[in-house]
């Protein structure tokens, strides 16, 4: 019996080329992914399988979409990329960090929209020049149209010089 051929390994730098470098500050909101979808080439399936799926907690199905958004400039000893993951009623911007060799360091959901069927939660993130990530979230009420100000939250994350992402 013939051994099944493994697909060729993709060079990590070729994967990074899909993420254009941006200068900070930047804000990621509800519609920002449309800009990235129009300006950036889609990620080939082989890149998603090799670099994205191994760091995802939830499995992807045939309807899950990944869009390369950007790479944060001047991160020193690591790379920081942001991609958009779209699933059924769940759209998220994810910040992932890797060593210069392409080894996974850390990942966080930093913005997006999520529906649990009863309410809609939307988060917006701003990343400043010092790598502080400010996240503001709001939740609509039962009608999905009525915004509930009492449910608003804000918190801050920080991207550290070693590539870890922490609550600050």
Foldseek 3Di string as FASTA:
>chain_A
DDDDDDPDDDQVVVVQVQAAEDEDWDKDFAPLVVVQVVPGDADDPNCCVPQPQVPDPDHDDPQKGKTWYHWYPDLPQKTWTWIWIDDVQWIFIKIWIAGPRRHTDEMDTQWTWHDPPQKIKGKMWTQGNQQKIKIKMWMAGRVNPHTDPVRIDIFIWGQDSVRYIGTD
